[in-house]
Amino acid sequence: MKHSVLATLDRIGAHISHGLAIFAGLTLTAMMVLACWNMIGRAFGAPLMGAFELMGFMGAVVAAFSLAYAQQARSHIFVAFFIARFKRPVRLALDAAVHLASAVFFLHAALELEKLAAFIVDMGELSETLQIIYHPFVWAVSLGCLAMGFVLLISFCKTVFLGEEV
């Protein structure tokens, strides 16, 4: 029972993280186009106004939307050489503790970012250069943190209930 539920949750997490990673890749491509366009425009004396501001917003989305996919693909840096010296039960306990603490951190960050976005909406705040609303970017980063927290919770459950070193 536990295995099938966790397998389903793992697939859901994989689909979410994959979708966010695709959007991150498209956003990164848009950043590259924007940067090139701005450099060419600058060479001809017509830089794009607000290019740096947009690059910052899009960079935040790229970073946040890449987190969960990187976690699922196990491409984050971790201290395996240190943990590998311990016996399996200790490694499992450390894995579980790290996954749980990380999940709590990212879920809390998602909640705080959502509160920040709501505050920005209430205040009617606009970006400095382009004077555009920017709370959707804050919500996007919140979504990325939420996805990361979800994937980390799944990793925690797989470690605790299935004994997997994730």
N, C-alpha and C. Protein backbone atom coordinates (compact mmCIF):
# COMPACT_ATOMS: atom_id res chain seq x y z
N MET A 1 0.83 -1.19 0.00
CA MET A 1 0.00 0.00 0.00
C MET A 1 0.87 1.26 0.00
N LYS A 2 1.81 1.31 0.96
CA LYS A 2 2.68 2.48 1.06
C LYS A 2 3.44 2.69 -0.24
N HIS A 3 3.91 1.57 -0.80
CA HIS A 3 4.73 1.66 -2.01
C HIS A 3 3.93 2.24 -3.17
N SER A 4 2.68 1.79 -3.36
CA SER A 4 1.88 2.28 -4.48
C SER A 4 1.51 3.76 -4.31
N VAL A 5 1.21 4.17 -3.07
CA VAL A 5 0.89 5.57 -2.82
C VAL A 5 2.11 6.44 -3.08
N LEU A 6 3.26 6.01 -2.56
CA LEU A 6 4.49 6.78 -2.77
C LEU A 6 4.90 6.79 -4.23
N ALA A 7 4.68 5.68 -4.93
CA ALA A 7 5.00 5.64 -6.36
C ALA A 7 4.11 6.62 -7.12
N THR A 8 2.84 6.69 -6.76
CA THR A 8 1.93 7.65 -7.40
C THR A 8 2.35 9.08 -7.10
N LEU A 9 2.65 9.36 -5.83
CA LEU A 9 3.10 10.70 -5.46
C LEU A 9 4.41 11.06 -6.16
N ASP A 10 5.29 10.07 -6.28
CA ASP A 10 6.56 10.29 -6.97
C ASP A 10 6.33 10.64 -8.44
N ARG A 11 5.39 9.94 -9.09
CA ARG A 11 5.06 10.26 -10.49
C ARG A 11 4.46 11.65 -10.62
N ILE A 12 3.59 12.00 -9.68
CA ILE A 12 3.00 13.35 -9.69
C ILE A 12 4.11 14.40 -9.54
N GLY A 13 4.99 14.16 -8.59
CA GLY A 13 6.12 15.08 -8.39
C GLY A 13 6.99 15.18 -9.62
N ALA A 14 7.20 14.04 -10.29
CA ALA A 14 8.01 14.04 -11.51
C ALA A 14 7.34 14.85 -12.62
N HIS A 15 6.02 14.70 -12.76
CA HIS A 15 5.30 15.46 -13.80
C HIS A 15 5.33 16.96 -13.50
N ILE A 16 5.12 17.31 -12.24
CA ILE A 16 5.15 18.72 -11.86
C ILE A 16 6.54 19.30 -12.10
N SER A 17 7.57 18.61 -11.61
CA SER A 17 8.93 19.14 -11.75
C SER A 17 9.36 19.19 -13.21
N HIS A 18 8.93 18.22 -14.00
CA HIS A 18 9.26 18.22 -15.43
C HIS A 18 8.58 19.40 -16.14
N GLY A 19 7.31 19.63 -15.84
CA GLY A 19 6.59 20.77 -16.42
C GLY A 19 7.23 22.09 -16.06
N LEU A 20 7.60 22.24 -14.79
CA LEU A 20 8.25 23.48 -14.36
C LEU A 20 9.62 23.64 -15.03
N ALA A 21 10.34 22.52 -15.19
CA ALA A 21 11.65 22.58 -15.85
C ALA A 21 11.52 22.99 -17.31
N ILE A 22 10.49 22.51 -17.98
CA ILE A 22 10.26 22.92 -19.37
C ILE A 22 10.00 24.42 -19.43
N PHE A 23 9.15 24.91 -18.53
CA PHE A 23 8.88 26.35 -18.50
C PHE A 23 10.15 27.13 -18.17
N ALA A 24 10.99 26.60 -17.26
CA ALA A 24 12.25 27.25 -16.93
C ALA A 24 13.15 27.33 -18.15
N GLY A 25 13.19 26.25 -18.93
CA GLY A 25 13.99 26.25 -20.15
C GLY A 25 13.50 27.27 -21.16
N LEU A 26 12.19 27.37 -21.32
CA LEU A 26 11.63 28.37 -22.23
C LEU A 26 11.93 29.79 -21.74
N THR A 27 11.84 29.98 -20.44
CA THR A 27 12.14 31.29 -19.87
C THR A 27 13.62 31.63 -20.04
N LEU A 28 14.48 30.64 -19.87
CA LEU A 28 15.92 30.85 -20.08
C LEU A 28 16.20 31.22 -21.53
N THR A 29 15.49 30.59 -22.45
CA THR A 29 15.62 30.93 -23.87
C THR A 29 15.18 32.38 -24.11
N ALA A 30 14.07 32.77 -23.50
CA ALA A 30 13.60 34.15 -23.62
C ALA A 30 14.62 35.13 -23.04
N MET A 31 15.27 34.74 -21.94
CA MET A 31 16.31 35.58 -21.35
C MET A 31 17.46 35.77 -22.32
N MET A 32 17.85 34.68 -22.99
CA MET A 32 18.95 34.76 -23.95
C MET A 32 18.59 35.69 -25.11
N VAL A 33 17.36 35.56 -25.62
CA VAL A 33 16.91 36.43 -26.72
C VAL A 33 16.90 37.88 -26.26
N LEU A 34 16.38 38.12 -25.06
CA LEU A 34 16.33 39.48 -24.51
C LEU A 34 17.73 40.06 -24.35
N ALA A 35 18.64 39.26 -23.82
CA ALA A 35 20.02 39.74 -23.62
C ALA A 35 20.69 40.06 -24.96
N CYS A 36 20.52 39.18 -25.94
CA CYS A 36 21.12 39.43 -27.26
C CYS A 36 20.50 40.67 -27.91
N TRP A 37 19.19 40.76 -27.82
CA TRP A 37 18.49 41.92 -28.38
C TRP A 37 18.99 43.21 -27.73
N ASN A 38 19.16 43.17 -26.42
CA ASN A 38 19.64 44.34 -25.70
C ASN A 38 21.08 44.68 -26.11
N MET A 39 21.93 43.68 -26.27
CA MET A 39 23.33 43.94 -26.65
C MET A 39 23.41 44.53 -28.06
N ILE A 40 22.62 43.98 -28.97
CA ILE A 40 22.60 44.50 -30.33
C ILE A 40 22.04 45.93 -30.34
N GLY A 41 20.96 46.12 -29.60
CA GLY A 41 20.39 47.46 -29.50
C GLY A 41 21.35 48.45 -28.89
N ARG A 42 22.08 48.02 -27.87
CA ARG A 42 23.06 48.90 -27.22
C ARG A 42 24.17 49.28 -28.21
N ALA A 43 24.58 48.34 -29.06
CA ALA A 43 25.62 48.62 -30.05
C ALA A 43 25.17 49.70 -31.04
N PHE A 44 23.87 49.77 -31.27
CA PHE A 44 23.32 50.77 -32.19
C PHE A 44 22.73 51.97 -31.46
N GLY A 45 23.03 52.08 -30.17
CA GLY A 45 22.57 53.23 -29.39
C GLY A 45 21.12 53.17 -28.96
N ALA A 46 20.51 52.00 -29.02
CA ALA A 46 19.10 51.88 -28.63
C ALA A 46 18.90 50.65 -27.73
N PRO A 47 19.44 50.70 -26.49
CA PRO A 47 19.24 49.55 -25.60
C PRO A 47 17.78 49.42 -25.18
N LEU A 48 17.41 48.24 -24.78
CA LEU A 48 16.03 48.00 -24.33
C LEU A 48 15.87 48.52 -22.90
N MET A 49 14.90 49.37 -22.71
CA MET A 49 14.64 49.89 -21.37
C MET A 49 14.08 48.76 -20.49
N GLY A 50 14.64 48.59 -19.33
CA GLY A 50 14.15 47.60 -18.39
C GLY A 50 14.65 46.18 -18.64
N ALA A 51 15.61 46.03 -19.53
CA ALA A 51 16.10 44.69 -19.84
C ALA A 51 16.68 44.01 -18.60
N PHE A 52 17.44 44.75 -17.81
CA PHE A 52 18.04 44.16 -16.62
C PHE A 52 16.97 43.77 -15.60
N GLU A 53 15.94 44.58 -15.50
CA GLU A 53 14.84 44.29 -14.58
C GLU A 53 14.14 42.99 -15.00
N LEU A 54 13.82 42.88 -16.28
CA LEU A 54 13.18 41.66 -16.78
C LEU A 54 14.09 40.44 -16.63
N MET A 55 15.38 40.64 -16.87
CA MET A 55 16.33 39.53 -16.70
C MET A 55 16.34 39.04 -15.26
N GLY A 56 16.25 39.96 -14.32
CA GLY A 56 16.22 39.58 -12.91
C GLY A 56 14.96 38.79 -12.56
N PHE A 57 13.81 39.27 -13.04
CA PHE A 57 12.55 38.57 -12.78
C PHE A 57 12.58 37.18 -13.40
N MET A 58 13.00 37.12 -14.65
CA MET A 58 13.02 35.82 -15.34
C MET A 58 14.06 34.89 -14.73
N GLY A 59 15.19 35.43 -14.29
CA GLY A 59 16.22 34.60 -13.64
C GLY A 59 15.71 33.96 -12.37
N ALA A 60 14.91 34.70 -11.62
CA ALA A 60 14.31 34.15 -10.40
C ALA A 60 13.39 32.99 -10.73
N VAL A 61 12.59 33.15 -11.78
CA VAL A 61 11.68 32.08 -12.20
C VAL A 61 12.46 30.86 -12.68
N VAL A 62 13.51 31.08 -13.46
CA VAL A 62 14.33 29.96 -13.95
C VAL A 62 14.92 29.18 -12.79
N ALA A 63 15.49 29.89 -11.83
CA ALA A 63 16.10 29.22 -10.68
C ALA A 63 15.06 28.44 -9.88
N ALA A 64 13.94 29.08 -9.57
CA ALA A 64 12.92 28.44 -8.74
C ALA A 64 12.26 27.25 -9.44
N PHE A 65 12.01 27.38 -10.73
CA PHE A 65 11.35 26.30 -11.47
C PHE A 65 12.29 25.14 -11.77
N SER A 66 13.58 25.33 -11.59
CA SER A 66 14.55 24.26 -11.84
C SER A 66 14.83 23.41 -10.60
N LEU A 67 14.49 23.91 -9.44
CA LEU A 67 14.84 23.25 -8.19
C LEU A 67 14.29 21.83 -8.07
N ALA A 68 12.98 21.67 -8.25
CA ALA A 68 12.35 20.36 -8.04
C ALA A 68 12.88 19.33 -9.03
N TYR A 69 13.08 19.74 -10.28
CA TYR A 69 13.60 18.81 -11.28
C TYR A 69 15.02 18.37 -10.91
N ALA A 70 15.83 19.32 -10.48
CA ALA A 70 17.20 18.99 -10.08
C ALA A 70 17.20 18.03 -8.89
N GLN A 71 16.26 18.23 -7.96
CA GLN A 71 16.16 17.33 -6.81
C GLN A 71 15.75 15.92 -7.26
N GLN A 72 14.77 15.84 -8.14
CA GLN A 72 14.32 14.52 -8.61
C GLN A 72 15.40 13.82 -9.41
N ALA A 73 16.17 14.59 -10.17
CA ALA A 73 17.24 14.01 -10.99
C ALA A 73 18.51 13.76 -10.16
N ARG A 74 18.45 14.15 -8.88
CA ARG A 74 19.59 14.00 -7.96
C ARG A 74 20.84 14.71 -8.50
N SER A 75 20.63 15.89 -9.03
CA SER A 75 21.78 16.61 -9.59
C SER A 75 22.27 17.74 -8.67
N HIS A 76 21.71 17.82 -7.45
CA HIS A 76 22.23 18.77 -6.48
C HIS A 76 23.50 18.19 -5.87
N ILE A 77 24.35 19.07 -5.42
CA ILE A 77 25.59 18.65 -4.76
C ILE A 77 25.24 18.22 -3.33
N PHE A 78 25.76 17.10 -2.92
CA PHE A 78 25.57 16.68 -1.55
C PHE A 78 26.86 16.02 -1.06
N VAL A 79 26.94 15.82 0.22
CA VAL A 79 28.18 15.36 0.84
C VAL A 79 28.17 13.84 0.97
N ALA A 80 28.20 13.15 -0.15
CA ALA A 80 28.12 11.69 -0.15
C ALA A 80 29.37 11.05 0.46
N PHE A 81 30.52 11.63 0.21
CA PHE A 81 31.75 11.02 0.72
C PHE A 81 31.77 11.02 2.24
N PHE A 82 31.13 11.99 2.86
CA PHE A 82 31.06 12.05 4.32
C PHE A 82 30.04 11.05 4.85
N ILE A 83 28.88 11.02 4.26
CA ILE A 83 27.79 10.15 4.71
C ILE A 83 28.07 8.69 4.41
N ALA A 84 28.79 8.42 3.33
CA ALA A 84 29.08 7.04 2.91
C ALA A 84 29.85 6.25 3.97
N ARG A 85 30.51 6.91 4.85
CA ARG A 85 31.30 6.23 5.89
C ARG A 85 30.43 5.61 6.98
N PHE A 86 29.20 6.08 7.10
CA PHE A 86 28.31 5.59 8.14
C PHE A 86 27.60 4.31 7.70
N LYS A 87 27.11 3.57 8.69
CA LYS A 87 26.32 2.37 8.40
C LYS A 87 24.97 2.80 7.83
N ARG A 88 24.31 1.87 7.13
CA ARG A 88 23.07 2.17 6.41
C ARG A 88 21.99 2.80 7.30
N PRO A 89 21.73 2.30 8.51
CA PRO A 89 20.68 2.94 9.33
C PRO A 89 20.99 4.41 9.65
N VAL A 90 22.25 4.72 9.87
CA VAL A 90 22.64 6.10 10.15
C VAL A 90 22.46 6.95 8.89
N ARG A 91 22.86 6.40 7.75
CA ARG A 91 22.68 7.13 6.47
C ARG A 91 21.21 7.41 6.21
N LEU A 92 20.35 6.42 6.46
CA LEU A 92 18.91 6.61 6.27
C LEU A 92 18.37 7.69 7.21
N ALA A 93 18.80 7.65 8.45
CA ALA A 93 18.35 8.66 9.42
C ALA A 93 18.81 10.06 9.00
N LEU A 94 20.06 10.16 8.57
CA LEU A 94 20.56 11.46 8.11
C LEU A 94 19.82 11.94 6.86
N ASP A 95 19.60 11.02 5.91
CA ASP A 95 18.83 11.36 4.70
C ASP A 95 17.44 11.87 5.07
N ALA A 96 16.77 11.14 5.95
CA ALA A 96 15.42 11.52 6.36
C ALA A 96 15.42 12.89 7.03
N ALA A 97 16.36 13.12 7.92
CA ALA A 97 16.43 14.40 8.63
C ALA A 97 16.69 15.55 7.67
N VAL A 98 17.61 15.35 6.74
CA VAL A 98 17.93 16.41 5.77
C VAL A 98 16.75 16.68 4.85
N HIS A 99 16.10 15.62 4.38
CA HIS A 99 14.94 15.81 3.50
C HIS A 99 13.80 16.51 4.23
N LEU A 100 13.55 16.12 5.46
CA LEU A 100 12.47 16.75 6.22
C LEU A 100 12.77 18.21 6.51
N ALA A 101 13.98 18.49 6.97
CA ALA A 101 14.35 19.88 7.27
C ALA A 101 14.30 20.74 6.00
N SER A 102 14.77 20.20 4.90
CA SER A 102 14.75 20.94 3.64
C SER A 102 13.32 21.16 3.16
N ALA A 103 12.48 20.14 3.29
CA ALA A 103 11.08 20.28 2.88
C ALA A 103 10.39 21.36 3.70
N VAL A 104 10.61 21.35 5.00
CA VAL A 104 10.02 22.37 5.87
C VAL A 104 10.50 23.76 5.46
N PHE A 105 11.79 23.88 5.17
CA PHE A 105 12.33 25.16 4.74
C PHE A 105 11.65 25.65 3.46
N PHE A 106 11.59 24.79 2.43
CA PHE A 106 11.03 25.22 1.15
C PHE A 106 9.52 25.46 1.24
N LEU A 107 8.81 24.68 2.02
CA LEU A 107 7.38 24.92 2.18
C LEU A 107 7.13 26.23 2.93
N HIS A 108 7.96 26.50 3.92
CA HIS A 108 7.85 27.78 4.64
C HIS A 108 8.20 28.95 3.71
N ALA A 109 9.24 28.78 2.91
CA ALA A 109 9.61 29.83 1.95
C ALA A 109 8.47 30.09 0.97
N ALA A 110 7.82 29.02 0.51
CA ALA A 110 6.68 29.17 -0.41
C ALA A 110 5.56 29.98 0.24
N LEU A 111 5.27 29.66 1.49
CA LEU A 111 4.22 30.38 2.22
C LEU A 111 4.58 31.86 2.40
N GLU A 112 5.81 32.13 2.79
CA GLU A 112 6.23 33.51 2.99
C GLU A 112 6.25 34.30 1.68
N LEU A 113 6.65 33.65 0.60
CA LEU A 113 6.65 34.31 -0.71
C LEU A 113 5.22 34.61 -1.16
N GLU A 114 4.30 33.70 -0.86
CA GLU A 114 2.90 33.94 -1.20
C GLU A 114 2.39 35.14 -0.43
N LYS A 115 2.75 35.24 0.86
CA LYS A 115 2.36 36.39 1.67
C LYS A 115 2.96 37.68 1.11
N LEU A 116 4.22 37.60 0.68
CA LEU A 116 4.88 38.77 0.10
C LEU A 116 4.17 39.20 -1.18
N ALA A 117 3.83 38.26 -2.03
CA ALA A 117 3.12 38.59 -3.27
C ALA A 117 1.78 39.25 -2.97
N ALA A 118 1.06 38.71 -1.99
CA ALA A 118 -0.23 39.30 -1.61
C ALA A 118 -0.04 40.71 -1.07
N PHE A 119 1.01 40.93 -0.32
CA PHE A 119 1.32 42.27 0.21
C PHE A 119 1.63 43.23 -0.94
N ILE A 120 2.39 42.77 -1.91
CA ILE A 120 2.73 43.60 -3.07
C ILE A 120 1.47 43.98 -3.83
N VAL A 121 0.55 43.03 -3.96
CA VAL A 121 -0.73 43.31 -4.63
C VAL A 121 -1.50 44.37 -3.83
N ASP A 122 -1.61 44.17 -2.52
CA ASP A 122 -2.35 45.11 -1.67
C ASP A 122 -1.77 46.52 -1.73
N MET A 123 -0.45 46.61 -1.79
CA MET A 123 0.21 47.91 -1.83
C MET A 123 0.17 48.53 -3.23
N GLY A 124 -0.14 47.74 -4.23
CA GLY A 124 -0.16 48.25 -5.60
C GLY A 124 1.23 48.56 -6.13
N GLU A 125 2.21 47.86 -5.60
CA GLU A 125 3.60 48.12 -5.96
C GLU A 125 3.89 47.72 -7.40
N LEU A 126 4.70 48.53 -8.05
CA LEU A 126 5.12 48.27 -9.43
C LEU A 126 6.64 48.19 -9.48
N SER A 127 7.15 47.58 -10.54
CA SER A 127 8.61 47.48 -10.69
C SER A 127 9.20 48.87 -10.88
N GLU A 128 10.47 48.99 -10.55
CA GLU A 128 11.11 50.30 -10.53
C GLU A 128 11.27 50.93 -11.91
N THR A 129 11.77 50.19 -12.87
CA THR A 129 12.08 50.76 -14.18
C THR A 129 10.90 50.76 -15.13
N LEU A 130 10.29 49.60 -15.30
CA LEU A 130 9.21 49.47 -16.29
C LEU A 130 7.83 49.83 -15.74
N GLN A 131 7.74 49.93 -14.41
CA GLN A 131 6.46 50.23 -13.76
C GLN A 131 5.39 49.19 -14.12
N ILE A 132 5.79 47.92 -14.07
CA ILE A 132 4.85 46.83 -14.33
C ILE A 132 4.59 46.08 -13.02
N ILE A 133 3.48 45.35 -12.98
CA ILE A 133 3.23 44.52 -11.79
C ILE A 133 4.27 43.40 -11.79
N TYR A 134 4.77 43.08 -10.64
CA TYR A 134 5.76 42.01 -10.58
C TYR A 134 5.42 40.92 -9.58
N HIS A 135 4.26 41.04 -8.95
CA HIS A 135 3.86 39.98 -8.01
C HIS A 135 3.70 38.62 -8.69
N PRO A 136 3.36 38.52 -9.99
CA PRO A 136 3.30 37.18 -10.59
C PRO A 136 4.66 36.45 -10.56
N PHE A 137 5.74 37.21 -10.63
CA PHE A 137 7.06 36.59 -10.55
C PHE A 137 7.31 36.06 -9.14
N VAL A 138 6.84 36.80 -8.13
CA VAL A 138 6.99 36.35 -6.74
C VAL A 138 6.16 35.09 -6.53
N TRP A 139 4.94 35.07 -7.08
CA TRP A 139 4.11 33.87 -6.98
C TRP A 139 4.76 32.70 -7.71
N ALA A 140 5.40 32.97 -8.82
CA ALA A 140 6.08 31.90 -9.57
C ALA A 140 7.20 31.29 -8.74
N VAL A 141 7.97 32.13 -8.07
CA VAL A 141 9.05 31.62 -7.21
C VAL A 141 8.44 30.83 -6.05
N SER A 142 7.32 31.29 -5.52
CA SER A 142 6.62 30.56 -4.48
C SER A 142 6.21 29.18 -4.97
N LEU A 143 5.69 29.12 -6.18
CA LEU A 143 5.31 27.84 -6.77
C LEU A 143 6.51 26.91 -6.92
N GLY A 144 7.64 27.45 -7.34
CA GLY A 144 8.85 26.65 -7.45
C GLY A 144 9.29 26.09 -6.10
N CYS A 145 9.19 26.91 -5.06
CA CYS A 145 9.53 26.45 -3.71
C CYS A 145 8.54 25.40 -3.22
N LEU A 146 7.27 25.58 -3.54
CA LEU A 146 6.25 24.60 -3.17
C LEU A 146 6.53 23.26 -3.84
N ALA A 147 6.87 23.28 -5.11
CA ALA A 147 7.19 22.04 -5.83
C ALA A 147 8.42 21.38 -5.23
N MET A 148 9.42 22.16 -4.89
CA MET A 148 10.63 21.61 -4.27
C MET A 148 10.29 20.97 -2.92
N GLY A 149 9.47 21.65 -2.12
CA GLY A 149 9.06 21.09 -0.83
C GLY A 149 8.30 19.79 -1.00
N PHE A 150 7.43 19.72 -2.00
CA PHE A 150 6.67 18.50 -2.28
C PHE A 150 7.60 17.34 -2.65
N VAL A 151 8.54 17.60 -3.54
CA VAL A 151 9.49 16.56 -3.96
C VAL A 151 10.34 16.11 -2.77
N LEU A 152 10.74 17.05 -1.93
CA LEU A 152 11.53 16.68 -0.75
C LEU A 152 10.71 15.87 0.26
N LEU A 153 9.43 16.20 0.41
CA LEU A 153 8.57 15.40 1.30
C LEU A 153 8.43 13.97 0.77
N ILE A 154 8.31 13.82 -0.52
CA ILE A 154 8.24 12.49 -1.12
C ILE A 154 9.54 11.73 -0.84
N SER A 155 10.67 12.42 -1.00
CA SER A 155 11.97 11.79 -0.71
C SER A 155 12.06 11.37 0.75
N PHE A 156 11.56 12.23 1.63
CA PHE A 156 11.54 11.90 3.06
C PHE A 156 10.72 10.63 3.30
N CYS A 157 9.52 10.58 2.71
CA CYS A 157 8.64 9.41 2.91
C CYS A 157 9.26 8.15 2.31
N LYS A 158 9.90 8.26 1.17
CA LYS A 158 10.56 7.09 0.57
C LYS A 158 11.69 6.58 1.46
N THR A 159 12.39 7.51 2.09
CA THR A 159 13.48 7.12 2.98
C THR A 159 12.93 6.44 4.23
N VAL A 160 11.91 7.03 4.84
CA VAL A 160 11.37 6.52 6.11
C VAL A 160 10.58 5.23 5.92
N PHE A 161 9.69 5.21 4.92
CA PHE A 161 8.76 4.08 4.78
C PHE A 161 9.28 2.95 3.90
N LEU A 162 10.16 3.28 2.96
CA LEU A 162 10.65 2.24 2.05
C LEU A 162 12.13 1.93 2.25
N GLY A 163 12.79 2.72 3.08
CA GLY A 163 14.20 2.48 3.33
C GLY A 163 15.10 2.81 2.15
N GLU A 164 14.62 3.70 1.28
CA GLU A 164 15.41 4.08 0.11
C GLU A 164 16.35 5.22 0.46
N GLU A 165 17.58 5.11 -0.02
CA GLU A 165 18.51 6.22 0.11
C GLU A 165 18.31 7.09 -1.12
N VAL A 166 17.66 8.21 -0.91
CA VAL A 166 17.29 9.08 -2.04
C VAL A 166 18.26 10.24 -2.13
